[in-house]
Amino acid sequence: MDAGIGEAPDQRGRIRAGEKSSIWYGCRLDAGDGEIAIGARSNVQDNSVLAASGGAIRIGVDSTIGHNVQLAACLIGERCLIGIGSRVAAGTVAEDDVFLAAGAVTTPGQVLTGGALWAGAPARKLAELDERKRAVVLETIVTYCDYADELARVQAAMRTG
């Protein structure tokens, strides 16, 4: 695991986290017999639950899993934002550049095509991503990398007294 982990998350099984990725407070990661792989610079925000249940969860680089999200075995592409409180069902594929709105719910095996905003329960495509929404995704990555770096500095200072 990398910087940005405040308290060790509740984790079980094979979990890989890329460089400058972060997993935040209160998260539970359960790879079961499978694997959870989190790409470089991606972040899993507070109280999210990732449960692979014998499959795999793969999160691409520069992606954000928002607060209180539930992920089953799924594939999240690069530069995705999975909004607060969303539930991503087993077998879901979020292609690159997907913005899944807060509270959205996918159906098992659903494919979220890239470059689009998805919302609702069940999730449906609302619009193509404009430059402003794409910028929000990338700004979130920069912000959480900065948070992780700052937390690492504070923790190191506390250890050295």
C-alpha atoms as a PDB file:
ATOM      1  CA  MET A   1       0.000   0.000   0.000  1.00  0.00           C
ATOM      2  CA  ASP A   2       1.050   3.576  -0.492  1.00  0.00           C
ATOM      3  CA  ALA A   3       0.792   6.870   1.353  1.00  0.00           C
ATOM      4  CA  GLY A   4      -2.597   8.179   2.320  1.00  0.00           C
ATOM      5  CA  ILE A   5      -3.748   5.355   4.504  1.00  0.00           C
ATOM      6  CA  GLY A   6      -4.597   7.014   7.782  1.00  0.00           C
ATOM      7  CA  GLU A   7      -5.419   3.939   9.782  1.00  0.00           C
ATOM      8  CA  ALA A   8      -4.905   0.520   8.242  1.00  0.00           C
ATOM      9  CA  PRO A   9      -8.102  -0.328   6.395  1.00  0.00           C
ATOM     10  CA  ASP A  10      -9.926  -3.561   7.136  1.00  0.00           C
ATOM     11  CA  GLN A  11      -8.503  -5.793   4.419  1.00  0.00           C
ATOM     12  CA  ARG A  12      -8.499  -9.454   3.538  1.00  0.00           C
ATOM     13  CA  GLY A  13      -6.914 -11.336   0.669  1.00  0.00           C
ATOM     14  CA  ARG A  14      -4.663 -10.298  -2.186  1.00  0.00           C
ATOM     15  CA  ILE A  15      -4.706  -6.518  -2.540  1.00  0.00           C
ATOM     16  CA  ARG A  16      -2.339  -4.507  -4.726  1.00  0.00           C
ATOM     17  CA  ALA A  17      -2.198  -0.718  -4.679  1.00  0.00           C
ATOM     18  CA  GLY A  18      -0.222   1.267  -7.257  1.00  0.00           C
ATOM     19  CA  GLU A  19       2.197   4.089  -6.611  1.00  0.00           C
ATOM     20  CA  LYS A  20       0.646   7.177  -5.003  1.00  0.00           C
ATOM     21  CA  SER A  21      -2.712   5.433  -4.621  1.00  0.00           C
ATOM     22  CA  SER A  22      -4.602   5.959  -1.389  1.00  0.00           C
ATOM     23  CA  ILE A  23      -7.153   4.090   0.672  1.00  0.00           C
ATOM     24  CA  TRP A  24      -8.849   6.184   3.312  1.00  0.00           C
ATOM     25  CA  TYR A  25     -10.413   5.806   6.735  1.00  0.00           C
ATOM     26  CA  GLY A  26     -13.037   3.189   7.448  1.00  0.00           C
ATOM     27  CA  CYS A  27     -12.696   1.289   4.167  1.00  0.00           C
ATOM     28  CA  ARG A  28     -13.150  -2.466   3.984  1.00  0.00           C
ATOM     29  CA  LEU A  29     -11.415  -4.386   1.219  1.00  0.00           C
ATOM     30  CA  ASP A  30     -12.190  -8.082   0.898  1.00  0.00           C
ATOM     31  CA  ALA A  31     -10.561  -9.820  -2.062  1.00  0.00           C
ATOM     32  CA  GLY A  32     -11.875 -13.228  -0.962  1.00  0.00           C
ATOM     33  CA  ASP A  33     -10.250 -15.798  -3.238  1.00  0.00           C
ATOM     34  CA  GLY A  34      -9.748 -13.150  -5.933  1.00  0.00           C
ATOM     35  CA  GLU A  35      -7.795  -9.933  -6.076  1.00  0.00           C
ATOM     36  CA  ILE A  36      -8.286  -6.212  -5.678  1.00  0.00           C
ATOM     37  CA  ALA A  37      -5.927  -4.090  -7.802  1.00  0.00           C
ATOM     38  CA  ILE A  38      -5.914  -0.307  -7.445  1.00  0.00           C
ATOM     39  CA  GLY A  39      -4.094   1.692 -10.107  1.00  0.00           C
ATOM     40  CA  ALA A  40      -1.487   4.375  -9.601  1.00  0.00           C
ATOM     41  CA  ARG A  41      -2.753   7.679  -8.206  1.00  0.00           C
ATOM     42  CA  SER A  42      -6.248   6.263  -7.687  1.00  0.00           C
ATOM     43  CA  ASN A  43      -8.052   6.752  -4.398  1.00  0.00           C
ATOM     44  CA  VAL A  44     -10.686   4.864  -2.435  1.00  0.00           C
ATOM     45  CA  GLN A  45     -12.439   7.309  -0.154  1.00  0.00           C
ATOM     46  CA  ASP A  46     -13.756   6.920   3.387  1.00  0.00           C
ATOM     47  CA  ASN A  47     -16.083   4.072   4.343  1.00  0.00           C
ATOM     48  CA  SER A  48     -16.144   2.397   0.938  1.00  0.00           C
ATOM     49  CA  VAL A  49     -16.527  -1.377   0.731  1.00  0.00           C
ATOM     50  CA  LEU A  50     -14.809  -3.387  -2.001  1.00  0.00           C
ATOM     51  CA  ALA A  51     -15.796  -7.069  -1.984  1.00  0.00           C
ATOM     52  CA  ALA A  52     -14.454  -9.193  -4.841  1.00  0.00           C
ATOM     53  CA  SER A  53     -16.264 -12.393  -3.716  1.00  0.00           C
ATOM     54  CA  GLY A  54     -14.053 -14.807  -5.640  1.00  0.00           C
ATOM     55  CA  GLY A  55     -13.746 -12.531  -8.663  1.00  0.00           C
ATOM     56  CA  ALA A  56     -11.580  -9.468  -9.072  1.00  0.00           C
ATOM     57  CA  ILE A  57     -11.901  -5.745  -8.661  1.00  0.00           C
ATOM     58  CA  ARG A  58      -9.624  -3.755 -10.922  1.00  0.00           C
ATOM     59  CA  ILE A  59      -9.443   0.024 -10.701  1.00  0.00           C
ATOM     60  CA  GLY A  60      -7.442   1.801 -13.400  1.00  0.00           C
ATOM     61  CA  VAL A  61      -5.007   4.662 -12.924  1.00  0.00           C
ATOM     62  CA  ASP A  62      -6.221   8.128 -11.958  1.00  0.00           C
ATOM     63  CA  SER A  63      -9.649   6.967 -10.789  1.00  0.00           C
ATOM     64  CA  THR A  64     -11.668   7.932  -7.732  1.00  0.00           C
ATOM     65  CA  ILE A  65     -13.959   5.671  -5.745  1.00  0.00           C
ATOM     66  CA  GLY A  66     -16.040   8.129  -3.715  1.00  0.00           C
ATOM     67  CA  HIS A  67     -17.114   7.987  -0.082  1.00  0.00           C
ATOM     68  CA  ASN A  68     -19.461   5.168   0.983  1.00  0.00           C
ATOM     69  CA  VAL A  69     -19.277   3.333  -2.353  1.00  0.00           C
ATOM     70  CA  GLN A  70     -19.910  -0.404  -2.632  1.00  0.00           C
ATOM     71  CA  LEU A  71     -18.014  -2.288  -5.346  1.00  0.00           C
ATOM     72  CA  ALA A  72     -18.568  -5.969  -6.138  1.00  0.00           C
ATOM     73  CA  ALA A  73     -16.270  -7.822  -8.581  1.00  0.00           C
ATOM     74  CA  CYS A  74     -15.990  -5.278 -11.405  1.00  0.00           C
ATOM     75  CA  LEU A  75     -13.668  -3.375 -13.702  1.00  0.00           C
ATOM     76  CA  ILE A  76     -13.274   0.383 -13.305  1.00  0.00           C
ATOM     77  CA  GLY A  77     -11.275   1.978 -16.106  1.00  0.00           C
ATOM     78  CA  GLU A  78      -8.840   4.867 -16.084  1.00  0.00           C
ATOM     79  CA  ARG A  79      -9.872   8.427 -15.197  1.00  0.00           C
ATOM     80  CA  CYS A  80     -13.206   7.338 -13.733  1.00  0.00           C
ATOM     81  CA  LEU A  81     -15.114   8.913 -10.881  1.00  0.00           C
ATOM     82  CA  ILE A  82     -17.514   6.646  -9.008  1.00  0.00           C
ATOM     83  CA  GLY A  83     -19.719   9.037  -7.059  1.00  0.00           C
ATOM     84  CA  ILE A  84     -20.522   9.068  -3.361  1.00  0.00           C
ATOM     85  CA  GLY A  85     -22.822   6.276  -2.206  1.00  0.00           C
ATOM     86  CA  SER A  86     -22.901   4.475  -5.547  1.00  0.00           C
ATOM     87  CA  ARG A  87     -23.347   0.701  -5.749  1.00  0.00           C
ATOM     88  CA  VAL A  88     -21.508  -1.097  -8.521  1.00  0.00           C
ATOM     89  CA  ALA A  89     -22.841  -4.607  -9.142  1.00  0.00           C
ATOM     90  CA  ALA A  90     -20.810  -7.712  -9.939  1.00  0.00           C
ATOM     91  CA  GLY A  91     -19.623  -7.907 -13.518  1.00  0.00           C
ATOM     92  CA  THR A  92     -19.993  -4.186 -14.176  1.00  0.00           C
ATOM     93  CA  VAL A  93     -17.456  -2.693 -16.574  1.00  0.00           C
ATOM     94  CA  ALA A  94     -16.890   1.056 -16.400  1.00  0.00           C
ATOM     95  CA  GLU A  95     -14.824   1.904 -19.456  1.00  0.00           C
ATOM     96  CA  ASP A  96     -12.229   4.715 -19.326  1.00  0.00           C
ATOM     97  CA  ASP A  97     -13.496   8.232 -18.584  1.00  0.00           C
ATOM     98  CA  VAL A  98     -16.767   7.304 -16.885  1.00  0.00           C
ATOM     99  CA  PHE A  99     -18.415   9.634 -14.374  1.00  0.00           C
ATOM    100  CA  LEU A 100     -20.945   7.662 -12.311  1.00  0.00           C
ATOM    101  CA  ALA A 101     -23.073  10.135 -10.377  1.00  0.00           C
ATOM    102  CA  ALA A 102     -23.608   9.986  -6.624  1.00  0.00           C
ATOM    103  CA  GLY A 103     -26.088   7.344  -5.501  1.00  0.00           C
ATOM    104  CA  ALA A 104     -26.145   5.543  -8.851  1.00  0.00           C
ATOM    105  CA  VAL A 105     -26.710   1.781  -8.951  1.00  0.00           C
ATOM    106  CA  THR A 106     -25.491  -0.492 -11.749  1.00  0.00           C
ATOM    107  CA  THR A 107     -27.011  -3.825 -12.727  1.00  0.00           C
ATOM    108  CA  PRO A 108     -24.989  -7.075 -12.852  1.00  0.00           C
ATOM    109  CA  GLY A 109     -22.851  -7.187 -15.990  1.00  0.00           C
ATOM    110  CA  GLN A 110     -23.719  -3.639 -17.053  1.00  0.00           C
ATOM    111  CA  VAL A 111     -21.262  -1.849 -19.349  1.00  0.00           C
ATOM    112  CA  LEU A 112     -20.856   1.883 -18.775  1.00  0.00           C
ATOM    113  CA  THR A 113     -19.470   3.250 -22.033  1.00  0.00           C
ATOM    114  CA  GLY A 114     -16.558   5.636 -21.732  1.00  0.00           C
ATOM    115  CA  GLY A 115     -16.656   9.381 -22.025  1.00  0.00           C
ATOM    116  CA  ALA A 116     -20.102   9.652 -20.454  1.00  0.00           C
ATOM    117  CA  LEU A 117     -22.001  10.703 -17.349  1.00  0.00           C
ATOM    118  CA  TRP A 118     -24.142   7.897 -15.909  1.00  0.00           C
ATOM    119  CA  ALA A 119     -26.756   8.282 -13.167  1.00  0.00           C
ATOM    120  CA  GLY A 120     -29.814   6.725 -11.575  1.00  0.00           C
ATOM    121  CA  ALA A 121     -30.966   3.356 -10.318  1.00  0.00           C
ATOM    122  CA  PRO A 122     -30.490   1.514 -12.531  1.00  0.00           C
ATOM    123  CA  ALA A 123     -27.699   3.631 -14.008  1.00  0.00           C
ATOM    124  CA  ARG A 124     -28.348   5.076 -17.435  1.00  0.00           C
ATOM    125  CA  LYS A 125     -26.313   7.281 -19.731  1.00  0.00           C
ATOM    126  CA  LEU A 126     -27.273  10.938 -19.353  1.00  0.00           C
ATOM    127  CA  ALA A 127     -24.699  12.845 -21.395  1.00  0.00           C
ATOM    128  CA  GLU A 128     -21.264  12.843 -22.940  1.00  0.00           C
ATOM    129  CA  LEU A 129     -18.561  14.237 -20.647  1.00  0.00           C
ATOM    130  CA  ASP A 130     -17.645  17.817 -21.399  1.00  0.00           C
ATOM    131  CA  GLU A 131     -14.246  19.297 -20.584  1.00  0.00           C
ATOM    132  CA  ARG A 132     -15.484  20.672 -17.237  1.00  0.00           C
ATOM    133  CA  LYS A 133     -16.558  17.225 -15.984  1.00  0.00           C
ATOM    134  CA  ARG A 134     -13.316  15.650 -17.225  1.00  0.00           C
ATOM    135  CA  ALA A 135     -11.417  18.343 -15.312  1.00  0.00           C
ATOM    136  CA  VAL A 136     -13.330  17.515 -12.096  1.00  0.00           C
ATOM    137  CA  VAL A 137     -12.131  13.908 -12.312  1.00  0.00           C
ATOM    138  CA  LEU A 138      -8.503  14.933 -12.768  1.00  0.00           C
ATOM    139  CA  GLU A 139      -8.689  17.661 -10.084  1.00  0.00           C
ATOM    140  CA  THR A 140      -9.965  15.064  -7.622  1.00  0.00           C
ATOM    141  CA  ILE A 141      -6.930  12.881  -8.339  1.00  0.00           C
ATOM    142  CA  VAL A 142      -4.512  15.770  -7.740  1.00  0.00           C
ATOM    143  CA  THR A 143      -6.340  16.746  -4.535  1.00  0.00           C
ATOM    144  CA  TYR A 144      -6.242  13.226  -3.065  1.00  0.00           C
ATOM    145  CA  CYS A 145      -2.581  12.739  -4.007  1.00  0.00           C
ATOM    146  CA  ASP A 146      -1.864  15.998  -2.158  1.00  0.00           C
ATOM    147  CA  TYR A 147      -3.903  14.815   0.849  1.00  0.00           C
ATOM    148  CA  ALA A 148      -1.956  11.540   0.917  1.00  0.00           C
ATOM    149  CA  ASP A 149       1.399  13.341   0.718  1.00  0.00           C
ATOM    150  CA  GLU A 150       0.419  15.698   3.541  1.00  0.00           C
ATOM    151  CA  LEU A 151      -0.802  12.847   5.722  1.00  0.00           C
ATOM    152  CA  ALA A 152       2.465  10.963   5.144  1.00  0.00           C
ATOM    153  CA  ARG A 153       4.440  14.069   6.170  1.00  0.00           C
ATOM    154  CA  VAL A 154       2.375  14.520   9.335  1.00  0.00           C
ATOM    155  CA  GLN A 155       2.673  10.836  10.280  1.00  0.00           C
ATOM    156  CA  ALA A 156       6.447  10.898   9.701  1.00  0.00           C
ATOM    157  CA  ALA A 157       6.786  14.029  11.870  1.00  0.00           C
ATOM    158  CA  MET A 158       4.764  12.377  14.634  1.00  0.00           C
ATOM    159  CA  ARG A 159       7.034   9.313  14.574  1.00  0.00           C
ATOM    160  CA  THR A 160      10.200  11.389  14.839  1.00  0.00           C
ATOM    161  CA  GLY A 161       8.762  13.507  17.625  1.00  0.00           C
END
